[in-house]
Amino acid sequence: MSPTLRALVFFVLFSGLGIPVVASAQAVPAPPAIDAKSYALLDYDSGELIASLNPDLHVEPASLTKVMTVYVAFDEIRQGRLHLDDPVLISENAWRVSMDRDESRMFLDVGSRVKVSDLLRGIIVQSGNDACIALAEHIAGSQAAFVDLMNQYAKTLGLTDTHFADVNGMPDANHYTSARDLVILARALIRNFPAEYKMFAERDFTWHKIHQDNRNGLLWKDPSVDGIKTGHTESAGYCLLSSAIRDGRRLIAAVMGTKSWAYRESASLELLNYGFRFYETDRVLGPEAPVATVRAYKGATTQVGVGTLAPVYLALPAGSRAQLAVQPQITQKAIAPLSAGQSLGQATILLAGKPIKTVPLVALRDVAAGGFWRRLIDTIRLWLGW
């Protein structure tokens, strides 16, 4: 008997007996075969990896290091300690390091003053090592002090396989990251600095009448791509951290250690296309949609909604939304006074009948204490177990 016929007989027999038949989740093809040291493809809203190869392998980030350099600068701006129009004095150190090594640079002049906004574009678009050092010295006094900041930010963001030794990404045994950490960093960058992130979509930048194109060729190949950064050294290979948004849904890809600049682009685009084609992002829970309403004992109101204060997103196989179910489990009595966010239980999210995620459930709003008689009556109810 063929698999199709067997499935049909199964459906007819069991549905005729009144036994519910749960369809299985739609099968997703295997991710593309990417010739790289590692890669990670992240669904932005859910924060879930939907495809990966050696995502936690320690790899050299090369110039992808500069994403953290820029992240620190953006956060300094957010906290009011740095401004886009601030003039930065260009030290001989910032100029000489790039000149001596013939590295990618913005072509800054010693002793000149350059606005922070221009240095940021020099880093993001032109991948200027001189701009990185100049900005690091301006913010922290020295490159070493700034690197300490970078490592502090890495810990705060939960980058468990990352350590920085400089602001540019030159080869160093103590300078490493992972594909997973890079997509986590990129997600934080986009979420925390949406206005500043737009710089990563700029295709070119001219400084001192020297025009340089953004090294991220995907900006020309796919209009949905709006960043992020390329990297290359002989030991690191060709790397690309990219992001695209289509129909309001964003994916982030990190491809590490490929053999050419052209292949890092085609591999990244292949991953992004795979994620958009075979997965969808669904908002399952959120404050506007309680999963249960429970009795609020001793409260000014008698009921309170239970759910999550923050949206819960899931990356699911395309077309499987109808197979989602949420099972709430209330484990705590809701006894006023209640505060929004107070733990009351948990919910299990199922796909085609199989548990895929468990999330805490909380009270969705405050409930003030009720009057004397309400408190007395509910005290009796609780005592009797009603």
Protein backbone atom coordinates (compact mmCIF):
# COMPACT_ATOMS: atom_id res chain seq x y z
CA MET A 1 0.00 0.00 0.00
CA SER A 2 1.37 3.41 -0.95
CA PRO A 3 2.02 6.01 1.79
CA THR A 4 -0.71 8.23 0.32
CA LEU A 5 -3.30 5.44 0.30
CA ARG A 6 -2.30 4.34 3.80
CA ALA A 7 -2.82 7.89 5.07
CA LEU A 8 -6.24 8.06 3.40
CA VAL A 9 -7.38 4.78 4.96
CA PHE A 10 -6.11 5.96 8.35
CA PHE A 11 -8.07 9.21 8.06
CA VAL A 12 -11.31 7.52 6.96
CA LEU A 13 -11.20 4.84 9.67
CA PHE A 14 -10.36 7.08 12.58
CA SER A 15 -12.51 10.04 11.58
CA GLY A 16 -15.44 7.63 11.15
CA LEU A 17 -14.93 6.46 14.72
CA GLY A 18 -15.04 10.03 15.97
CA ILE A 19 -11.36 10.08 16.88
CA PRO A 20 -9.78 13.47 16.04
CA VAL A 21 -6.95 13.34 13.56
CA VAL A 22 -4.19 15.93 14.08
CA ALA A 23 -2.32 16.89 10.95
CA SER A 24 1.44 16.89 11.22
CA ALA A 25 3.36 20.13 10.88
CA GLN A 26 4.39 20.88 7.31
CA ALA A 27 7.80 19.41 6.53
CA VAL A 28 10.54 21.94 5.88
CA PRO A 29 13.31 21.13 3.40
CA ALA A 30 16.86 20.94 4.71
CA PRO A 31 18.76 24.26 4.70
CA PRO A 32 21.02 25.02 1.75
CA ALA A 33 24.42 23.33 1.70
CA ILE A 34 26.71 26.30 2.42
CA ASP A 35 30.48 25.91 2.04
CA ALA A 36 31.52 27.94 5.07
CA LYS A 37 33.16 27.46 8.45
CA SER A 38 29.85 28.28 10.11
CA TYR A 39 26.60 30.14 9.62
CA ALA A 40 23.45 31.14 11.50
CA LEU A 41 20.07 32.32 10.25
CA LEU A 42 17.95 34.13 12.85
CA ASP A 43 14.29 35.08 12.86
CA TYR A 44 14.33 38.62 14.24
CA ASP A 45 10.99 38.75 16.08
CA SER A 46 11.23 35.38 17.80
CA GLY A 47 15.00 35.38 18.27
CA GLU A 48 15.09 31.76 17.11
CA LEU A 49 17.71 30.19 14.86
CA ILE A 50 15.94 28.58 11.93
CA ALA A 51 19.08 27.26 10.21
CA SER A 52 22.68 26.88 11.28
CA LEU A 53 26.03 25.18 10.75
CA ASN A 54 28.49 25.10 13.66
CA PRO A 55 26.79 28.20 15.13
CA ASP A 56 28.90 28.16 18.32
CA LEU A 57 32.25 27.51 16.65
CA HIS A 58 34.85 30.14 17.58
CA VAL A 59 35.74 32.02 14.39
CA GLU A 60 37.58 35.20 13.52
CA PRO A 61 35.14 38.07 12.96
CA ALA A 62 37.53 40.20 10.86
CA SER A 63 35.77 43.53 10.16
CA LEU A 64 32.47 42.25 11.55
CA THR A 65 34.12 43.37 14.80
CA LYS A 66 33.15 46.89 13.77
CA VAL A 67 29.47 46.11 14.36
CA MET A 68 30.27 46.08 18.09
CA THR A 69 32.46 49.18 17.72
CA VAL A 70 29.48 50.98 16.22
CA TYR A 71 27.06 49.48 18.77
CA VAL A 72 29.05 51.00 21.62
CA ALA A 73 29.11 54.38 19.87
CA PHE A 74 25.35 54.26 19.25
CA ASP A 75 24.76 53.53 22.92
CA GLU A 76 27.01 56.43 23.94
CA ILE A 77 24.83 58.66 21.76
CA ARG A 78 21.64 57.27 23.32
CA GLN A 79 22.95 58.02 26.79
CA GLY A 80 23.85 61.58 25.83
CA ARG A 81 27.62 61.19 26.27
CA LEU A 82 28.28 61.46 22.53
CA HIS A 83 26.63 63.47 19.77
CA LEU A 84 26.63 63.07 16.01
CA ASP A 85 27.98 66.62 15.54
CA ASP A 86 30.81 66.27 18.07
CA PRO A 87 34.22 66.99 16.49
CA VAL A 88 36.83 64.25 16.96
CA LEU A 89 40.55 65.06 16.87
CA ILE A 90 42.39 62.58 14.64
CA SER A 91 45.52 61.32 16.36
CA GLU A 92 48.69 60.21 14.66
CA ASN A 93 48.02 56.74 16.05
CA ALA A 94 44.65 56.51 14.28
CA TRP A 95 46.23 57.65 11.01
CA ARG A 96 49.45 55.64 11.18
CA VAL A 97 48.02 52.22 12.04
CA SER A 98 46.02 52.11 8.83
CA MET A 99 48.78 53.60 6.70
CA ASP A 100 51.47 51.24 7.98
CA ARG A 101 49.36 48.15 7.40
CA ASP A 102 47.74 49.26 4.16
CA GLU A 103 44.36 48.49 5.70
CA SER A 104 40.91 49.65 4.63
CA ARG A 105 40.60 53.25 5.70
CA MET A 106 38.65 56.47 5.51
CA PHE A 107 41.78 58.51 4.65
CA LEU A 108 41.71 60.75 7.71
CA ASP A 109 44.32 63.51 8.17
CA VAL A 110 46.39 63.80 11.33
CA GLY A 111 45.32 66.74 13.48
CA SER A 112 42.03 67.28 11.63
CA ARG A 113 38.68 67.29 13.36
CA VAL A 114 35.94 65.05 12.00
CA LYS A 115 32.32 64.81 13.11
CA VAL A 116 31.16 61.63 14.82
CA SER A 117 28.53 61.14 12.10
CA ASP A 118 31.22 61.10 9.42
CA LEU A 119 33.38 58.68 11.37
CA LEU A 120 30.42 56.34 11.78
CA ARG A 121 29.85 56.33 8.03
CA GLY A 122 33.57 55.85 7.53
CA ILE A 123 33.30 52.69 9.64
CA ILE A 124 29.97 51.37 8.39
CA VAL A 125 30.27 52.12 4.66
CA GLN A 126 34.03 52.30 4.09
CA SER A 127 35.12 49.89 6.84
CA GLY A 128 37.76 52.41 7.86
CA ASN A 129 40.15 51.15 10.49
CA ASP A 130 41.43 54.67 11.04
CA ALA A 131 37.89 55.83 11.78
CA CYS A 132 37.44 53.00 14.31
CA ILE A 133 40.55 53.96 16.25
CA ALA A 134 39.73 57.67 16.16
CA LEU A 135 36.24 57.06 17.50
CA ALA A 136 37.47 54.62 20.15
CA GLU A 137 40.09 57.09 21.40
CA HIS A 138 37.51 59.88 21.52
CA ILE A 139 35.02 57.82 23.53
CA ALA A 140 37.31 55.94 25.91
CA GLY A 141 40.70 57.67 25.74
CA SER A 142 42.48 54.72 24.16
CA GLN A 143 41.76 51.72 21.99
CA ALA A 144 42.52 49.38 24.91
CA ALA A 145 39.96 51.09 27.16
CA PHE A 146 37.39 50.98 24.39
CA VAL A 147 38.02 47.25 23.86
CA ASP A 148 37.22 46.75 27.54
CA LEU A 149 33.89 48.44 26.89
CA MET A 150 33.26 46.16 23.91
CA ASN A 151 33.80 43.08 26.04
CA GLN A 152 31.52 44.45 28.75
CA TYR A 153 28.78 44.98 26.17
CA ALA A 154 29.35 41.44 24.86
CA LYS A 155 28.63 40.04 28.33
CA THR A 156 25.57 42.23 28.79
CA LEU A 157 24.14 41.06 25.46
CA GLY A 158 24.77 37.42 26.31
CA LEU A 159 27.47 36.81 23.71
CA THR A 160 28.99 33.76 25.37
CA ASP A 161 31.44 32.86 22.59
CA THR A 162 32.88 36.32 21.91
CA HIS A 163 35.99 38.16 23.04
CA PHE A 164 37.52 41.26 21.47
CA ALA A 165 41.18 42.27 21.36
CA ASP A 166 40.87 45.35 19.13
CA VAL A 167 38.29 47.59 17.47
CA ASN A 168 38.99 46.51 13.88
CA GLY A 169 39.19 42.73 13.79
CA MET A 170 42.84 42.08 13.02
CA PRO A 171 43.92 38.42 13.51
CA ASP A 172 44.61 37.64 17.16
CA ALA A 173 44.28 34.39 19.11
CA ASN A 174 42.28 36.26 21.76
CA HIS A 175 39.88 37.83 19.25
CA TYR A 176 36.96 35.60 18.31
CA THR A 177 33.20 35.26 18.05
CA SER A 178 30.59 32.84 16.71
CA ALA A 179 27.89 32.98 14.05
CA ARG A 180 25.22 32.74 16.77
CA ASP A 181 26.71 35.63 18.75
CA LEU A 182 26.90 37.79 15.63
CA VAL A 183 23.21 37.42 14.78
CA ILE A 184 22.33 38.11 18.42
CA LEU A 185 24.45 41.27 18.28
CA ALA A 186 22.84 42.32 15.01
CA ARG A 187 19.35 41.79 16.46
CA ALA A 188 20.22 44.02 19.43
CA LEU A 189 21.67 46.65 17.10
CA ILE A 190 18.51 46.82 14.99
CA ARG A 191 16.13 46.68 17.97
CA ASN A 192 17.90 49.23 20.15
CA PHE A 193 19.00 51.74 17.49
CA PRO A 194 16.44 51.66 14.64
CA ALA A 195 17.14 55.22 13.45
CA GLU A 196 20.93 54.91 13.50
CA TYR A 197 20.77 51.45 11.91
CA LYS A 198 19.65 53.07 8.65
CA MET A 199 23.31 54.03 8.05
CA PHE A 200 24.01 50.38 7.26
CA ALA A 201 21.83 50.62 4.15
CA GLU A 202 23.83 53.50 2.66
CA ARG A 203 25.56 52.35 -0.51
CA ASP A 204 28.44 54.80 -0.65
CA PHE A 205 30.27 57.54 1.19
CA THR A 206 32.70 60.18 -0.02
CA TRP A 207 35.37 61.69 2.19
CA HIS A 208 38.19 63.96 0.98
CA LYS A 209 36.81 63.55 -2.53
CA ILE A 210 37.52 59.83 -2.26
CA HIS A 211 34.40 57.86 -3.13
CA GLN A 212 34.01 54.37 -1.66
CA ASP A 213 31.14 51.95 -2.16
CA ASN A 214 29.69 49.89 0.64
CA ARG A 215 31.39 46.49 0.52
CA ASN A 216 28.06 44.72 1.11
CA GLY A 217 27.11 43.85 -2.45
CA LEU A 218 23.69 42.54 -1.36
CA LEU A 219 22.54 46.15 -1.06
CA TRP A 220 22.57 46.25 -4.87
CA LYS A 221 21.38 42.69 -5.50
CA ASP A 222 18.28 42.60 -3.29
CA PRO A 223 16.17 45.64 -2.32
CA SER A 224 14.98 43.92 0.87
CA VAL A 225 18.54 43.86 2.27
CA ASP A 226 19.37 46.86 4.50
CA GLY A 227 22.71 45.82 6.07
CA ILE A 228 24.94 44.92 7.70
CA LYS A 229 28.71 44.40 7.35
CA THR A 230 31.39 42.48 5.49
CA GLY A 231 34.67 41.14 6.84
CA HIS A 232 37.80 39.55 5.44
CA THR A 233 41.30 38.58 6.43
CA GLU A 234 43.39 35.77 5.01
CA SER A 235 42.87 33.65 8.12
CA ALA A 236 39.20 34.53 8.67
CA GLY A 237 38.13 34.06 5.07
CA TYR A 238 35.26 36.05 3.60
CA CYS A 239 32.44 36.83 6.07
CA LEU A 240 29.12 38.61 5.81
CA LEU A 241 26.56 39.64 8.40
CA SER A 242 23.37 40.56 6.55
CA SER A 243 19.75 41.38 7.22
CA ALA A 244 16.64 41.71 5.09
CA ILE A 245 13.02 42.64 5.73
CA ARG A 246 10.18 41.40 3.53
CA ASP A 247 6.48 42.00 4.17
CA GLY A 248 7.28 43.27 7.66
CA ARG A 249 9.31 40.20 8.62
CA ARG A 250 13.06 40.41 9.24
CA LEU A 251 15.76 37.75 9.07
CA ILE A 252 19.46 38.04 9.97
CA ALA A 253 22.22 35.84 8.54
CA ALA A 254 25.87 35.41 9.51
CA VAL A 255 28.06 33.50 7.06
CA MET A 256 31.62 32.95 8.23
CA GLY A 257 34.79 31.81 6.48
CA THR A 258 33.87 31.40 2.82
CA LYS A 259 36.39 31.36 -0.03
CA SER A 260 35.40 34.49 -1.97
CA TRP A 261 33.49 37.75 -1.65
CA ALA A 262 31.09 36.62 -4.37
CA TYR A 263 30.29 33.36 -2.60
CA ARG A 264 29.66 35.00 0.78
CA GLU A 265 26.99 37.10 -0.95
CA SER A 266 25.33 34.25 -2.85
CA ALA A 267 25.40 32.02 0.25
CA SER A 268 23.87 34.74 2.42
CA LEU A 269 21.14 35.43 -0.12
CA GLU A 270 20.44 31.72 -0.42
CA LEU A 271 19.96 31.48 3.35
CA LEU A 272 17.72 34.54 3.49
CA ASN A 273 15.56 33.25 0.62
CA TYR A 274 15.30 29.87 2.34
CA GLY A 275 14.13 31.44 5.59
CA PHE A 276 11.55 33.68 3.95
CA ARG A 277 10.19 30.88 1.77
CA PHE A 278 9.89 28.04 4.25
CA TYR A 279 9.23 29.81 7.57
CA GLU A 280 6.79 32.37 8.90
CA THR A 281 6.77 34.40 12.10
CA ASP A 282 3.64 34.22 14.23
CA ARG A 283 2.65 36.28 17.23
CA VAL A 284 1.20 33.71 19.59
CA LEU A 285 0.75 35.57 22.88
CA GLY A 286 0.65 39.16 24.04
CA PRO A 287 -1.00 41.56 26.50
CA GLU A 288 -3.92 42.29 24.20
CA ALA A 289 -5.01 38.62 24.07
CA PRO A 290 -5.42 36.86 27.46
CA VAL A 291 -5.13 33.08 27.28
CA ALA A 292 -7.33 32.71 30.35
CA THR A 293 -9.46 34.72 32.77
CA VAL A 294 -9.29 33.68 36.42
CA ARG A 295 -11.04 34.69 39.62
CA ALA A 296 -9.34 37.53 41.47
CA TYR A 297 -9.87 36.77 45.14
CA LYS A 298 -10.23 39.64 47.61
CA GLY A 299 -10.08 42.14 44.73
CA ALA A 300 -11.96 45.28 43.80
CA THR A 301 -12.82 43.34 40.63
CA THR A 302 -13.62 39.65 40.60
CA GLN A 303 -11.63 38.60 37.51
CA VAL A 304 -8.25 39.20 35.92
CA GLY A 305 -6.83 38.29 32.52
CA VAL A 306 -3.80 36.01 32.37
CA GLY A 307 -1.21 36.10 29.60
CA THR A 308 2.15 37.67 28.77
CA LEU A 309 3.03 41.36 29.05
CA ALA A 310 5.49 41.12 26.14
CA PRO A 311 4.60 39.62 22.75
CA VAL A 312 5.67 36.02 22.20
CA TYR A 313 6.71 35.25 18.62
CA LEU A 314 7.49 31.88 17.08
CA ALA A 315 9.28 30.98 13.87
CA LEU A 316 7.16 28.23 12.34
CA PRO A 317 7.11 26.19 9.15
CA ALA A 318 5.16 28.16 6.55
CA GLY A 319 1.49 27.25 6.54
CA SER A 320 1.43 25.66 9.99
CA ARG A 321 -0.28 28.47 11.90
CA ALA A 322 -3.61 26.61 12.05
CA GLN A 323 -1.90 23.77 13.91
CA LEU A 324 -0.91 25.96 16.87
CA ALA A 325 -2.57 25.54 20.25
CA VAL A 326 -1.95 27.11 23.66
CA GLN A 327 -2.56 25.19 26.89
CA PRO A 328 -2.62 27.46 29.98
CA GLN A 329 -1.77 25.98 33.37
CA ILE A 330 -2.71 28.23 36.30
CA THR A 331 -0.67 27.22 39.32
CA GLN A 332 -1.16 30.21 41.64
CA LYS A 333 -4.32 31.73 43.06
CA ALA A 334 -4.85 35.33 42.00
CA ILE A 335 -5.22 37.06 45.36
CA ALA A 336 -5.45 40.86 45.48
CA PRO A 337 -3.73 43.16 45.68
CA LEU A 338 -2.23 41.98 42.39
CA SER A 339 0.39 43.71 40.25
CA ALA A 340 0.58 43.40 36.49
CA GLY A 341 3.33 40.90 35.77
CA GLN A 342 2.74 38.81 38.89
CA SER A 343 3.37 35.12 38.15
CA LEU A 344 0.26 32.93 38.00
CA GLY A 345 1.34 29.91 35.96
CA GLN A 346 2.65 28.90 32.58
CA ALA A 347 1.46 28.09 29.10
CA THR A 348 2.57 25.28 26.82
CA ILE A 349 2.50 26.09 23.11
CA LEU A 350 1.88 23.09 20.89
CA LEU A 351 2.36 22.61 17.16
CA ALA A 352 0.38 19.72 15.68
CA GLY A 353 -0.12 18.44 19.21
CA LYS A 354 3.58 18.50 20.14
CA PRO A 355 4.94 20.90 22.80
CA ILE A 356 7.42 23.36 21.30
CA LYS A 357 7.69 26.12 23.90
CA THR A 358 6.73 26.92 27.50
CA VAL A 359 6.28 30.51 28.65
CA PRO A 360 5.40 32.05 32.05
CA LEU A 361 1.90 33.43 32.51
CA VAL A 362 1.26 36.57 34.55
CA ALA A 363 -1.56 38.88 35.59
CA LEU A 364 -2.16 41.36 32.77
CA ARG A 365 -3.24 44.25 35.00
CA ASP A 366 -3.21 45.50 38.56
CA VAL A 367 -6.08 44.48 40.82
CA ALA A 368 -6.57 46.58 43.95
CA ALA A 369 -7.77 45.05 47.19
CA GLY A 370 -11.55 44.96 47.58
CA GLY A 371 -13.65 46.18 50.45
CA PHE A 372 -13.99 44.51 53.85
CA TRP A 373 -16.89 42.22 52.93
CA ARG A 374 -15.27 41.14 49.64
CA ARG A 375 -12.07 40.23 51.47
CA LEU A 376 -13.97 38.39 54.20
CA ILE A 377 -16.14 36.38 51.79
CA ASP A 378 -13.18 35.43 49.62
CA THR A 379 -11.13 34.45 52.68
CA ILE A 380 -13.90 31.97 53.50
CA ARG A 381 -14.00 30.75 49.89
CA LEU A 382 -10.27 30.15 49.89
CA TRP A 383 -10.50 28.35 53.23
CA LEU A 384 -13.23 26.08 51.87
CA GLY A 385 -11.32 25.56 48.61
CA TRP A 386 -14.00 27.11 46.42
